[in-house]
Amino acid sequence: MVILGAAAGAPLRYLTDRFLQARHATGFPWGTLAANLTACAGLGFLTGAAAVVAVPAALQQFAGPGLCATLSTYSTFSYETLALARTGSTGFALANAAVSVVAGLGTASLAAALAQALLG
């Protein structure tokens, strides 16, 4: 199930990144941010759901370490943040780091709370 999730998550991350970057003329990595926040929402929802109902192991494996883990990309986030800083876009680099961490934690927390409210 992890392999099936990964087979969906990795191309989805790439397509999300290409789609968003093609529509924004800024140097900010919108595609990576969107993919990472979507993965945070998915993992948060899965975690919240598992806290209140029995989530089948196969679904947990597909969605968690499969789909969401390959949809998110910490290595690309760190590479893009360092590249922004090296090219003089310090503001974008700081914004990317701050927004990614704060919004990621917030998104995961809100998604977990939503799952618990809907399923609890």
PDB file of N, CA and C in Angstrom:
ATOM      1  N   MET A   1       0.814  -1.202   0.000  1.00  0.00           N
ATOM      2  CA  MET A   1       0.000   0.000   0.000  1.00  0.00           C
ATOM      3  C   MET A   1       0.862   1.272   0.000  1.00  0.00           C
ATOM      4  N   VAL A   2       2.000   1.197   0.658  1.00  0.00           N
ATOM      5  CA  VAL A   2       2.910   2.354   0.666  1.00  0.00           C
ATOM      6  C   VAL A   2       3.376   2.650  -0.758  1.00  0.00           C
ATOM      7  N   ILE A   3       3.715   1.616  -1.487  1.00  0.00           N
ATOM      8  CA  ILE A   3       4.189   1.805  -2.868  1.00  0.00           C
ATOM      9  C   ILE A   3       3.080   2.401  -3.735  1.00  0.00           C
ATOM     10  N   LEU A   4       1.854   1.936  -3.568  1.00  0.00           N
ATOM     11  CA  LEU A   4       0.740   2.500  -4.344  1.00  0.00           C
ATOM     12  C   LEU A   4       0.524   3.975  -4.011  1.00  0.00           C
ATOM     13  N   GLY A   5       0.595   4.307  -2.729  1.00  0.00           N
ATOM     14  CA  GLY A   5       0.460   5.706  -2.327  1.00  0.00           C
ATOM     15  C   GLY A   5       1.580   6.568  -2.878  1.00  0.00           C
ATOM     16  N   ALA A   6       2.790   6.024  -2.822  1.00  0.00           N
ATOM     17  CA  ALA A   6       3.942   6.762  -3.349  1.00  0.00           C
ATOM     18  C   ALA A   6       3.840   6.938  -4.859  1.00  0.00           C
ATOM     19  N   ALA A   7       3.307   5.937  -5.532  1.00  0.00           N
ATOM     20  CA  ALA A   7       3.149   6.021  -6.986  1.00  0.00           C
ATOM     21  C   ALA A   7       2.162   7.125  -7.375  1.00  0.00           C
ATOM     22  N   ALA A   8       1.266   7.463  -6.471  1.00  0.00           N
ATOM     23  CA  ALA A   8       0.333   8.564  -6.714  1.00  0.00           C
ATOM     24  C   ALA A   8       0.908   9.889  -6.211  1.00  0.00           C
ATOM     25  N   GLY A   9       1.565   9.872  -5.056  1.00  0.00           N
ATOM     26  CA  GLY A   9       2.028  11.107  -4.420  1.00  0.00           C
ATOM     27  C   GLY A   9       3.153  11.814  -5.146  1.00  0.00           C
ATOM     28  N   ALA A  10       4.137  11.073  -5.607  1.00  0.00           N
ATOM     29  CA  ALA A  10       5.293  11.703  -6.262  1.00  0.00           C
ATOM     30  C   ALA A  10       4.904  12.431  -7.545  1.00  0.00           C
ATOM     31  N   PRO A  11       4.157  11.795  -8.452  1.00  0.00           N
ATOM     32  CA  PRO A  11       3.762  12.541  -9.654  1.00  0.00           C
ATOM     33  C   PRO A  11       2.806  13.693  -9.339  1.00  0.00           C
ATOM     34  N   LEU A  12       1.974  13.506  -8.317  1.00  0.00           N
ATOM     35  CA  LEU A  12       1.057  14.581  -7.938  1.00  0.00           C
ATOM     36  C   LEU A  12       1.836  15.798  -7.450  1.00  0.00           C
ATOM     37  N   ARG A  13       2.905  15.580  -6.692  1.00  0.00           N
ATOM     38  CA  ARG A  13       3.752  16.685  -6.239  1.00  0.00           C
ATOM     39  C   ARG A  13       4.363  17.407  -7.431  1.00  0.00           C
ATOM     40  N   TYR A  14       4.916  16.643  -8.361  1.00  0.00           N
ATOM     41  CA  TYR A  14       5.545  17.236  -9.539  1.00  0.00           C
ATOM     42  C   TYR A  14       4.528  18.049 -10.347  1.00  0.00           C
ATOM     43  N   LEU A  15       3.362  17.474 -10.592  1.00  0.00           N
ATOM     44  CA  LEU A  15       2.338  18.168 -11.387  1.00  0.00           C
ATOM     45  C   LEU A  15       1.819  19.409 -10.673  1.00  0.00           C
ATOM     46  N   THR A  16       1.664  19.324  -9.352  1.00  0.00           N
ATOM     47  CA  THR A  16       1.235  20.488  -8.571  1.00  0.00           C
ATOM     48  C   THR A  16       2.252  21.611  -8.693  1.00  0.00           C
ATOM     49  N   ASP A  17       3.515  21.259  -8.537  1.00  0.00           N
ATOM     50  CA  ASP A  17       4.580  22.249  -8.634  1.00  0.00           C
ATOM     51  C   ASP A  17       4.607  22.898 -10.022  1.00  0.00           C
ATOM     52  N   ARG A  18       4.598  22.118 -11.056  1.00  0.00           N
ATOM     53  CA  ARG A  18       4.646  22.658 -12.424  1.00  0.00           C
ATOM     54  C   ARG A  18       3.424  23.520 -12.710  1.00  0.00           C
ATOM     55  N   PHE A  19       2.243  23.087 -12.289  1.00  0.00           N
ATOM     56  CA  PHE A  19       1.008  23.826 -12.529  1.00  0.00           C
ATOM     57  C   PHE A  19       1.069  25.203 -11.876  1.00  0.00           C
ATOM     58  N   LEU A  20       1.443  25.252 -10.603  1.00  0.00           N
ATOM     59  CA  LEU A  20       1.463  26.528  -9.890  1.00  0.00           C
ATOM     60  C   LEU A  20       2.611  27.429 -10.320  1.00  0.00           C
ATOM     61  N   GLN A  21       3.781  26.868 -10.532  1.00  0.00           N
ATOM     62  CA  GLN A  21       4.912  27.700 -10.941  1.00  0.00           C
ATOM     63  C   GLN A  21       4.680  28.321 -12.323  1.00  0.00           C
ATOM     64  N   ALA A  22       3.964  27.631 -13.182  1.00  0.00           N
ATOM     65  CA  ALA A  22       3.680  28.170 -14.513  1.00  0.00           C
ATOM     66  C   ALA A  22       2.716  29.349 -14.453  1.00  0.00           C
ATOM     67  N   ARG A  23       1.979  29.492 -13.353  1.00  0.00           N
ATOM     68  CA  ARG A  23       0.977  30.540 -13.234  1.00  0.00           C
ATOM     69  C   ARG A  23       1.409  31.715 -12.370  1.00  0.00           C
ATOM     70  N   HIS A  24       2.573  31.603 -11.744  1.00  0.00           N
ATOM     71  CA  HIS A  24       3.077  32.681 -10.891  1.00  0.00           C
ATOM     72  C   HIS A  24       4.451  33.097 -11.371  1.00  0.00           C
ATOM     73  N   ALA A  25       4.593  34.363 -11.669  1.00  0.00           N
ATOM     74  CA  ALA A  25       5.844  34.877 -12.237  1.00  0.00           C
ATOM     75  C   ALA A  25       6.857  35.278 -11.168  1.00  0.00           C
ATOM     76  N   THR A  26       6.566  35.002  -9.909  1.00  0.00           N
ATOM     77  CA  THR A  26       7.505  35.360  -8.849  1.00  0.00           C
ATOM     78  C   THR A  26       8.516  34.236  -8.644  1.00  0.00           C
ATOM     79  N   GLY A  27       9.545  34.520  -7.881  1.00  0.00           N
ATOM     80  CA  GLY A  27      10.539  33.506  -7.568  1.00  0.00           C
ATOM     81  C   GLY A  27      10.148  32.659  -6.373  1.00  0.00           C
ATOM     82  N   PHE A  28       8.999  32.942  -5.773  1.00  0.00           N
ATOM     83  CA  PHE A  28       8.564  32.190  -4.597  1.00  0.00           C
ATOM     84  C   PHE A  28       8.107  30.792  -5.007  1.00  0.00           C
ATOM     85  N   PRO A  29       8.500  29.769  -4.276  1.00  0.00           N
ATOM     86  CA  PRO A  29       8.173  28.376  -4.640  1.00  0.00           C
ATOM     87  C   PRO A  29       6.747  27.963  -4.248  1.00  0.00           C
ATOM     88  N   TRP A  30       5.774  28.526  -4.937  1.00  0.00           N
ATOM     89  CA  TRP A  30       4.367  28.258  -4.623  1.00  0.00           C
ATOM     90  C   TRP A  30       3.999  26.781  -4.756  1.00  0.00           C
ATOM     91  N   GLY A  31       4.539  26.116  -5.748  1.00  0.00           N
ATOM     92  CA  GLY A  31       4.189  24.713  -5.976  1.00  0.00           C
ATOM     93  C   GLY A  31       4.622  23.817  -4.836  1.00  0.00           C
ATOM     94  N   THR A  32       5.831  24.005  -4.355  1.00  0.00           N
ATOM     95  CA  THR A  32       6.330  23.204  -3.236  1.00  0.00           C
ATOM     96  C   THR A  32       5.536  23.504  -1.971  1.00  0.00           C
ATOM     97  N   LEU A  33       5.248  24.768  -1.737  1.00  0.00           N
ATOM     98  CA  LEU A  33       4.463  25.145  -0.565  1.00  0.00           C
ATOM     99  C   LEU A  33       3.088  24.488  -0.614  1.00  0.00           C
ATOM    100  N   ALA A  34       2.427  24.556  -1.746  1.00  0.00           N
ATOM    101  CA  ALA A  34       1.094  23.961  -1.875  1.00  0.00           C
ATOM    102  C   ALA A  34       1.134  22.451  -1.672  1.00  0.00           C
ATOM    103  N   ALA A  35       2.116  21.778  -2.255  1.00  0.00           N
ATOM    104  CA  ALA A  35       2.230  20.332  -2.092  1.00  0.00           C
ATOM    105  C   ALA A  35       2.476  19.978  -0.622  1.00  0.00           C
ATOM    106  N   ASN A  36       3.368  20.722   0.025  1.00  0.00           N
ATOM    107  CA  ASN A  36       3.671  20.432   1.426  1.00  0.00           C
ATOM    108  C   ASN A  36       2.474  20.694   2.336  1.00  0.00           C
ATOM    109  N   LEU A  37       1.740  21.758   2.092  1.00  0.00           N
ATOM    110  CA  LEU A  37       0.569  22.054   2.921  1.00  0.00           C
ATOM    111  C   LEU A  37      -0.544  21.037   2.685  1.00  0.00           C
ATOM    112  N   THR A  38      -0.689  20.587   1.458  1.00  0.00           N
ATOM    113  CA  THR A  38      -1.680  19.545   1.170  1.00  0.00           C
ATOM    114  C   THR A  38      -1.322  18.254   1.900  1.00  0.00           C
ATOM    115  N   ALA A  39      -0.039  17.910   1.898  1.00  0.00           N
ATOM    116  CA  ALA A  39       0.412  16.717   2.621  1.00  0.00           C
ATOM    117  C   ALA A  39       0.185  16.882   4.126  1.00  0.00           C
ATOM    118  N   CYS A  40       0.438  18.061   4.666  1.00  0.00           N
ATOM    119  CA  CYS A  40       0.186  18.317   6.085  1.00  0.00           C
ATOM    120  C   CYS A  40      -1.297  18.139   6.409  1.00  0.00           C
ATOM    121  N   ALA A  41      -2.146  18.629   5.536  1.00  0.00           N
ATOM    122  CA  ALA A  41      -3.583  18.477   5.743  1.00  0.00           C
ATOM    123  C   ALA A  41      -3.979  16.999   5.713  1.00  0.00           C
ATOM    124  N   GLY A  42      -3.441  16.276   4.767  1.00  0.00           N
ATOM    125  CA  GLY A  42      -3.760  14.849   4.681  1.00  0.00           C
ATOM    126  C   GLY A  42      -3.291  14.075   5.888  1.00  0.00           C
ATOM    127  N   LEU A  43      -2.052  14.313   6.313  1.00  0.00           N
ATOM    128  CA  LEU A  43      -1.530  13.619   7.496  1.00  0.00           C
ATOM    129  C   LEU A  43      -2.271  14.038   8.764  1.00  0.00           C
ATOM    130  N   GLY A  44      -2.593  15.312   8.862  1.00  0.00           N
ATOM    131  CA  GLY A  44      -3.351  15.778  10.024  1.00  0.00           C
ATOM    132  C   GLY A  44      -4.725  15.142  10.084  1.00  0.00           C
ATOM    133  N   PHE A  45      -5.396  15.086   8.941  1.00  0.00           N
ATOM    134  CA  PHE A  45      -6.731  14.478   8.906  1.00  0.00           C
ATOM    135  C   PHE A  45      -6.645  12.998   9.259  1.00  0.00           C
ATOM    136  N   LEU A  46      -5.674  12.301   8.699  1.00  0.00           N
ATOM    137  CA  LEU A  46      -5.488  10.880   8.987  1.00  0.00           C
ATOM    138  C   LEU A  46      -5.217  10.656  10.474  1.00  0.00           C
ATOM    139  N   THR A  47      -4.368  11.471  11.058  1.00  0.00           N
ATOM    140  CA  THR A  47      -4.051  11.350  12.477  1.00  0.00           C
ATOM    141  C   THR A  47      -5.275  11.636  13.342  1.00  0.00           C
ATOM    142  N   GLY A  48      -5.994  12.690  13.001  1.00  0.00           N
ATOM    143  CA  GLY A  48      -7.214  13.018  13.747  1.00  0.00           C
ATOM    144  C   GLY A  48      -8.259  11.930  13.630  1.00  0.00           C
ATOM    145  N   ALA A  49      -8.394  11.383  12.442  1.00  0.00           N
ATOM    146  CA  ALA A  49      -9.370  10.309  12.235  1.00  0.00           C
ATOM    147  C   ALA A  49      -8.993   9.075  13.046  1.00  0.00           C
ATOM    148  N   ALA A  50      -7.715   8.731  13.032  1.00  0.00           N
ATOM    149  CA  ALA A  50      -7.253   7.543  13.749  1.00  0.00           C
ATOM    150  C   ALA A  50      -7.406   7.692  15.261  1.00  0.00           C
ATOM    151  N   ALA A  51      -7.502   8.921  15.739  1.00  0.00           N
ATOM    152  CA  ALA A  51      -7.678   9.145  17.174  1.00  0.00           C
ATOM    153  C   ALA A  51      -9.104   8.855  17.626  1.00  0.00           C
ATOM    154  N   VAL A  52     -10.057   8.862  16.697  1.00  0.00           N
ATOM    155  CA  VAL A  52     -11.462   8.687  17.102  1.00  0.00           C
ATOM    156  C   VAL A  52     -12.155   7.488  16.468  1.00  0.00           C
ATOM    157  N   VAL A  53     -11.635   6.973  15.379  1.00  0.00           N
ATOM    158  CA  VAL A  53     -12.227   5.790  14.733  1.00  0.00           C
ATOM    159  C   VAL A  53     -11.118   4.838  14.304  1.00  0.00           C
ATOM    160  N   ALA A  54     -11.501   3.629  14.035  1.00  0.00           N
ATOM    161  CA  ALA A  54     -10.532   2.650  13.558  1.00  0.00           C
ATOM    162  C   ALA A  54     -10.290   2.893  12.065  1.00  0.00           C
ATOM    163  N   VAL A  55      -9.087   3.310  11.730  1.00  0.00           N
ATOM    164  CA  VAL A  55      -8.708   3.518  10.337  1.00  0.00           C
ATOM    165  C   VAL A  55      -7.964   2.265   9.886  1.00  0.00           C
ATOM    166  N   PRO A  56      -8.433   1.613   8.837  1.00  0.00           N
ATOM    167  CA  PRO A  56      -7.766   0.390   8.392  1.00  0.00           C
ATOM    168  C   PRO A  56      -6.275   0.606   8.124  1.00  0.00           C
ATOM    169  N   ALA A  57      -5.482  -0.377   8.494  1.00  0.00           N
ATOM    170  CA  ALA A  57      -4.030  -0.278   8.337  1.00  0.00           C
ATOM    171  C   ALA A  57      -3.646  -0.015   6.886  1.00  0.00           C
ATOM    172  N   ALA A  58      -4.331  -0.639   5.957  1.00  0.00           N
ATOM    173  CA  ALA A  58      -4.015  -0.445   4.538  1.00  0.00           C
ATOM    174  C   ALA A  58      -4.222   1.015   4.135  1.00  0.00           C
ATOM    175  N   LEU A  59      -5.270   1.642   4.634  1.00  0.00           N
ATOM    176  CA  LEU A  59      -5.519   3.051   4.322  1.00  0.00           C
ATOM    177  C   LEU A  59      -4.457   3.935   4.973  1.00  0.00           C
ATOM    178  N   GLN A  60      -4.085   3.616   6.203  1.00  0.00           N
ATOM    179  CA  GLN A  60      -3.037   4.380   6.875  1.00  0.00           C
ATOM    180  C   GLN A  60      -1.723   4.294   6.106  1.00  0.00           C
ATOM    181  N   GLN A  61      -1.378   3.117   5.637  1.00  0.00           N
ATOM    182  CA  GLN A  61      -0.131   2.932   4.897  1.00  0.00           C
ATOM    183  C   GLN A  61      -0.172   3.649   3.551  1.00  0.00           C
ATOM    184  N   PHE A  62      -1.303   3.566   2.860  1.00  0.00           N
ATOM    185  CA  PHE A  62      -1.451   4.231   1.574  1.00  0.00           C
ATOM    186  C   PHE A  62      -1.345   5.739   1.734  1.00  0.00           C
ATOM    187  N   ALA A  63      -2.119   6.289   2.678  1.00  0.00           N
ATOM    188  CA  ALA A  63      -2.223   7.742   2.814  1.00  0.00           C
ATOM    189  C   ALA A  63      -1.033   8.372   3.537  1.00  0.00           C
ATOM    190  N   GLY A  64      -0.540   7.737   4.587  1.00  0.00           N
ATOM    191  CA  GLY A  64       0.537   8.333   5.386  1.00  0.00           C
ATOM    192  C   GLY A  64       1.901   8.229   4.731  1.00  0.00           C
ATOM    193  N   PRO A  65       2.586   7.107   4.940  1.00  0.00           N
ATOM    194  CA  PRO A  65       3.942   6.981   4.372  1.00  0.00           C
ATOM    195  C   PRO A  65       3.956   6.813   2.859  1.00  0.00           C
ATOM    196  N   GLY A  66       2.813   6.576   2.261  1.00  0.00           N
ATOM    197  CA  GLY A  66       2.752   6.481   0.804  1.00  0.00           C
ATOM    198  C   GLY A  66       2.475   7.827   0.163  1.00  0.00           C
ATOM    199  N   LEU A  67       1.210   8.189   0.094  1.00  0.00           N
ATOM    200  CA  LEU A  67       0.770   9.392  -0.615  1.00  0.00           C
ATOM    201  C   LEU A  67       1.321  10.687  -0.009  1.00  0.00           C
ATOM    202  N   CYS A  68       1.054  10.923   1.272  1.00  0.00           N
ATOM    203  CA  CYS A  68       1.442  12.204   1.875  1.00  0.00           C
ATOM    204  C   CYS A  68       2.952  12.369   1.997  1.00  0.00           C
ATOM    205  N   ALA A  69       3.651  11.288   2.311  1.00  0.00           N
ATOM    206  CA  ALA A  69       5.103  11.395   2.452  1.00  0.00           C
ATOM    207  C   ALA A  69       5.781  11.727   1.130  1.00  0.00           C
ATOM    208  N   THR A  70       5.269  11.211   0.039  1.00  0.00           N
ATOM    209  CA  THR A  70       5.885  11.524  -1.255  1.00  0.00           C
ATOM    210  C   THR A  70       5.309  12.791  -1.872  1.00  0.00           C
ATOM    211  N   LEU A  71       4.130  13.190  -1.431  1.00  0.00           N
ATOM    212  CA  LEU A  71       3.578  14.465  -1.892  1.00  0.00           C
ATOM    213  C   LEU A  71       4.375  15.617  -1.285  1.00  0.00           C
ATOM    214  N   SER A  72       4.743  15.478  -0.033  1.00  0.00           N
ATOM    215  CA  SER A  72       5.548  16.523   0.611  1.00  0.00           C
ATOM    216  C   SER A  72       7.013  16.340   0.235  1.00  0.00           C
ATOM    217  N   THR A  73       7.758  17.404   0.370  1.00  0.00           N
ATOM    218  CA  THR A  73       9.162  17.307  -0.004  1.00  0.00           C
ATOM    219  C   THR A  73       9.994  18.287   0.790  1.00  0.00           C
ATOM    220  N   TYR A  74      10.565  17.794   1.879  1.00  0.00           N
ATOM    221  CA  TYR A  74      11.407  18.635   2.716  1.00  0.00           C
ATOM    222  C   TYR A  74      12.705  18.993   2.000  1.00  0.00           C
ATOM    223  N   SER A  75      13.211  18.075   1.204  1.00  0.00           N
ATOM    224  CA  SER A  75      14.472  18.358   0.515  1.00  0.00           C
ATOM    225  C   SER A  75      14.305  19.490  -0.496  1.00  0.00           C
ATOM    226  N   THR A  76      13.210  19.493  -1.235  1.00  0.00           N
ATOM    227  CA  THR A  76      12.978  20.570  -2.194  1.00  0.00           C
ATOM    228  C   THR A  76      12.729  21.883  -1.468  1.00  0.00           C
ATOM    229  N   PHE A  77      11.971  21.828  -0.376  1.00  0.00           N
ATOM    230  CA  PHE A  77      11.727  23.024   0.430  1.00  0.00           C
ATOM    231  C   PHE A  77      13.048  23.631   0.900  1.00  0.00           C
ATOM    232  N   SER A  78      13.934  22.809   1.444  1.00  0.00           N
ATOM    233  CA  SER A  78      15.204  23.343   1.939  1.00  0.00           C
ATOM    234  C   SER A  78      16.088  23.835   0.798  1.00  0.00           C
ATOM    235  N   TYR A  79      16.120  23.099  -0.307  1.00  0.00           N
ATOM    236  CA  TYR A  79      16.915  23.525  -1.469  1.00  0.00           C
ATOM    237  C   TYR A  79      16.420  24.869  -1.997  1.00  0.00           C
ATOM    238  N   GLU A  80      15.105  24.995  -2.164  1.00  0.00           N
ATOM    239  CA  GLU A  80      14.553  26.245  -2.708  1.00  0.00           C
ATOM    240  C   GLU A  80      14.763  27.414  -1.756  1.00  0.00           C
ATOM    241  N   THR A  81      14.658  27.159  -0.461  1.00  0.00           N
ATOM    242  CA  THR A  81      14.880  28.220   0.518  1.00  0.00           C
ATOM    243  C   THR A  81      16.326  28.702   0.474  1.00  0.00           C
ATOM    244  N   LEU A  82      17.272  27.773   0.425  1.00  0.00           N
ATOM    245  CA  LEU A  82      18.686  28.149   0.327  1.00  0.00           C
ATOM    246  C   LEU A  82      18.993  28.835  -1.003  1.00  0.00           C
ATOM    247  N   ALA A  83      18.389  28.367  -2.079  1.00  0.00           N
ATOM    248  CA  ALA A  83      18.603  28.996  -3.390  1.00  0.00           C
ATOM    249  C   ALA A  83      18.089  30.432  -3.387  1.00  0.00           C
ATOM    250  N   LEU A  84      16.955  30.672  -2.756  1.00  0.00           N
ATOM    251  CA  LEU A  84      16.431  32.036  -2.662  1.00  0.00           C
ATOM    252  C   LEU A  84      17.402  32.922  -1.885  1.00  0.00           C
ATOM    253  N   ALA A  85      17.906  32.406  -0.785  1.00  0.00           N
ATOM    254  CA  ALA A  85      18.850  33.191   0.026  1.00  0.00           C
ATOM    255  C   ALA A  85      20.138  33.475  -0.742  1.00  0.00           C
ATOM    256  N   ARG A  86      20.648  32.488  -1.450  1.00  0.00           N
ATOM    257  CA  ARG A  86      21.904  32.661  -2.202  1.00  0.00           C
ATOM    258  C   ARG A  86      21.781  33.655  -3.350  1.00  0.00           C
ATOM    259  N   THR A  87      20.592  33.756  -3.930  1.00  0.00           N
ATOM    260  CA  THR A  87      20.408  34.653  -5.068  1.00  0.00           C
ATOM    261  C   THR A  87      19.955  36.054  -4.642  1.00  0.00           C
ATOM    262  N   GLY A  88      19.975  36.294  -3.342  1.00  0.00           N
ATOM    263  CA  GLY A  88      19.627  37.625  -2.868  1.00  0.00           C
ATOM    264  C   GLY A  88      18.165  37.832  -2.540  1.00  0.00           C
ATOM    265  N   SER A  89      17.352  36.822  -2.669  1.00  0.00           N
ATOM    266  CA  SER A  89      15.928  36.932  -2.334  1.00  0.00           C
ATOM    267  C   SER A  89      15.708  36.525  -0.881  1.00  0.00           C
ATOM    268  N   THR A  90      16.378  37.246   0.006  1.00  0.00           N
ATOM    269  CA  THR A  90      16.342  36.905   1.425  1.00  0.00           C
ATOM    270  C   THR A  90      14.925  36.978   1.991  1.00  0.00           C
ATOM    271  N   GLY A  91      14.177  37.969   1.559  1.00  0.00           N
ATOM    272  CA  GLY A  91      12.789  38.104   2.027  1.00  0.00           C
ATOM    273  C   GLY A  91      11.957  36.889   1.655  1.00  0.00           C
ATOM    274  N   PHE A  92      12.085  36.443   0.394  1.00  0.00           N
ATOM    275  CA  PHE A  92      11.363  35.243  -0.035  1.00  0.00           C
ATOM    276  C   PHE A  92      11.841  34.017   0.737  1.00  0.00           C
ATOM    277  N   ALA A  93      13.140  33.926   0.991  1.00  0.00           N
ATOM    278  CA  ALA A  93      13.689  32.777   1.724  1.00  0.00           C
ATOM    279  C   ALA A  93      13.132  32.725   3.144  1.00  0.00           C
ATOM    280  N   LEU A  94      13.152  33.863   3.822  1.00  0.00           N
ATOM    281  CA  LEU A  94      12.613  33.910   5.185  1.00  0.00           C
ATOM    282  C   LEU A  94      11.111  33.640   5.196  1.00  0.00           C
ATOM    283  N   ALA A  95      10.404  34.229   4.243  1.00  0.00           N
ATOM    284  CA  ALA A  95       8.957  34.000   4.160  1.00  0.00           C
ATOM    285  C   ALA A  95       8.656  32.531   3.883  1.00  0.00           C
ATOM    286  N   ASN A  96       9.413  31.918   2.988  1.00  0.00           N
ATOM    287  CA  ASN A  96       9.191  30.509   2.667  1.00  0.00           C
ATOM    288  C   ASN A  96       9.400  29.638   3.901  1.00  0.00           C
ATOM    289  N   ALA A  97      10.472  29.886   4.635  1.00  0.00           N
ATOM    290  CA  ALA A  97      10.744  29.088   5.831  1.00  0.00           C
ATOM    291  C   ALA A  97       9.662  29.292   6.886  1.00  0.00           C
ATOM    292  N   ALA A  98       9.325  30.541   7.158  1.00  0.00           N
ATOM    293  CA  ALA A  98       8.339  30.831   8.201  1.00  0.00           C
ATOM    294  C   ALA A  98       6.951  30.324   7.819  1.00  0.00           C
ATOM    295  N   VAL A  99       6.528  30.628   6.620  1.00  0.00           N
ATOM    296  CA  VAL A  99       5.191  30.216   6.191  1.00  0.00           C
ATOM    297  C   VAL A  99       5.094  28.693   6.118  1.00  0.00           C
ATOM    298  N   SER A 100       6.119  28.049   5.618  1.00  0.00           N
ATOM    299  CA  SER A 100       6.084  26.586   5.500  1.00  0.00           C
ATOM    300  C   SER A 100       5.933  25.917   6.858  1.00  0.00           C
ATOM    301  N   VAL A 101       6.697  26.370   7.830  1.00  0.00           N
ATOM    302  CA  VAL A 101       6.648  25.749   9.162  1.00  0.00           C
ATOM    303  C   VAL A 101       5.340  26.097   9.880  1.00  0.00           C
ATOM    304  N   VAL A 102       5.020  27.376   9.956  1.00  0.00           N
ATOM    305  CA  VAL A 102       3.825  27.801  10.693  1.00  0.00           C
ATOM    306  C   VAL A 102       2.551  27.298  10.016  1.00  0.00           C
ATOM    307  N   ALA A 103       2.452  27.487   8.716  1.00  0.00           N
ATOM    308  CA  ALA A 103       1.244  27.047   8.007  1.00  0.00           C
ATOM    309  C   ALA A 103       1.152  25.525   7.982  1.00  0.00           C
ATOM    310  N   GLY A 104       2.292  24.839   7.898  1.00  0.00           N
ATOM    311  CA  GLY A 104       2.266  23.377   7.915  1.00  0.00           C
ATOM    312  C   GLY A 104       1.735  22.834   9.224  1.00  0.00           C
ATOM    313  N   LEU A 105       2.251  23.362  10.339  1.00  0.00           N
ATOM    314  CA  LEU A 105       1.764  22.933  11.654  1.00  0.00           C
ATOM    315  C   LEU A 105       0.300  23.310  11.856  1.00  0.00           C
ATOM    316  N   GLY A 106      -0.046  24.517  11.427  1.00  0.00           N
ATOM    317  CA  GLY A 106      -1.444  24.953  11.551  1.00  0.00           C
ATOM    318  C   GLY A 106      -2.391  24.125  10.708  1.00  0.00           C
ATOM    319  N   THR A 107      -1.987  23.835   9.493  1.00  0.00           N
ATOM    320  CA  THR A 107      -2.819  23.034   8.596  1.00  0.00           C
ATOM    321  C   THR A 107      -3.023  21.631   9.150  1.00  0.00           C
ATOM    322  N   ALA A 108      -1.953  21.021   9.639  1.00  0.00           N
ATOM    323  CA  ALA A 108      -2.065  19.676  10.208  1.00  0.00           C
ATOM    324  C   ALA A 108      -2.978  19.689  11.431  1.00  0.00           C
ATOM    325  N   SER A 109      -2.833  20.694  12.283  1.00  0.00           N
ATOM    326  CA  SER A 109      -3.662  20.785  13.490  1.00  0.00           C
ATOM    327  C   SER A 109      -5.131  21.000  13.151  1.00  0.00           C
ATOM    328  N   LEU A 110      -5.392  21.902  12.221  1.00  0.00           N
ATOM    329  CA  LEU A 110      -6.785  22.150  11.821  1.00  0.00           C
ATOM    330  C   LEU A 110      -7.409  20.924  11.165  1.00  0.00           C
ATOM    331  N   ALA A 111      -6.645  20.237  10.337  1.00  0.00           N
ATOM    332  CA  ALA A 111      -7.169  19.035   9.674  1.00  0.00           C
ATOM    333  C   ALA A 111      -7.444  17.931  10.690  1.00  0.00           C
ATOM    334  N   ALA A 112      -6.595  17.796  11.697  1.00  0.00           N
ATOM    335  CA  ALA A 112      -6.829  16.795  12.749  1.00  0.00           C
ATOM    336  C   ALA A 112      -8.093  17.130  13.531  1.00  0.00           C
ATOM    337  N   ALA A 113      -8.251  18.400  13.869  1.00  0.00           N
ATOM    338  CA  ALA A 113      -9.455  18.833  14.591  1.00  0.00           C
ATOM    339  C   ALA A 113     -10.706  18.625  13.741  1.00  0.00           C
ATOM    340  N   LEU A 114     -10.604  18.898  12.462  1.00  0.00           N
ATOM    341  CA  LEU A 114     -11.737  18.692  11.557  1.00  0.00           C
ATOM    342  C   LEU A 114     -12.121  17.222  11.505  1.00  0.00           C
ATOM    343  N   ALA A 115     -11.143  16.352  11.381  1.00  0.00           N
ATOM    344  CA  ALA A 115     -11.426  14.909  11.347  1.00  0.00           C
ATOM    345  C   ALA A 115     -12.104  14.459  12.628  1.00  0.00           C
ATOM    346  N   GLN A 116     -11.615  14.946  13.758  1.00  0.00           N
ATOM    347  CA  GLN A 116     -12.211  14.548  15.030  1.00  0.00           C
ATOM    348  C   GLN A 116     -13.632  15.084  15.176  1.00  0.00           C
ATOM    349  N   ALA A 117     -13.862  16.299  14.678  1.00  0.00           N
ATOM    350  CA  ALA A 117     -15.210  16.866  14.746  1.00  0.00           C
ATOM    351  C   ALA A 117     -16.175  16.125  13.831  1.00  0.00           C
ATOM    352  N   LEU A 118     -15.704  15.762  12.658  1.00  0.00           N
ATOM    353  CA  LEU A 118     -16.572  15.079  11.692  1.00  0.00           C
ATOM    354  C   LEU A 118     -16.816  13.608  12.041  1.00  0.00           C
ATOM    355  N   LEU A 119     -15.802  12.974  12.588  1.00  0.00           N
ATOM    356  CA  LEU A 119     -15.870  11.524  12.796  1.00  0.00           C
ATOM    357  C   LEU A 119     -16.087  11.109  14.248  1.00  0.00           C
ATOM    358  N   GLY A 120     -15.887  12.047  15.175  1.00  0.00           N
ATOM    359  CA  GLY A 120     -15.955  11.709  16.604  1.00  0.00           C
ATOM    360  C   GLY A 120     -17.319  11.649  17.175  1.00  0.00           C
TER     361      GLY A 120
END
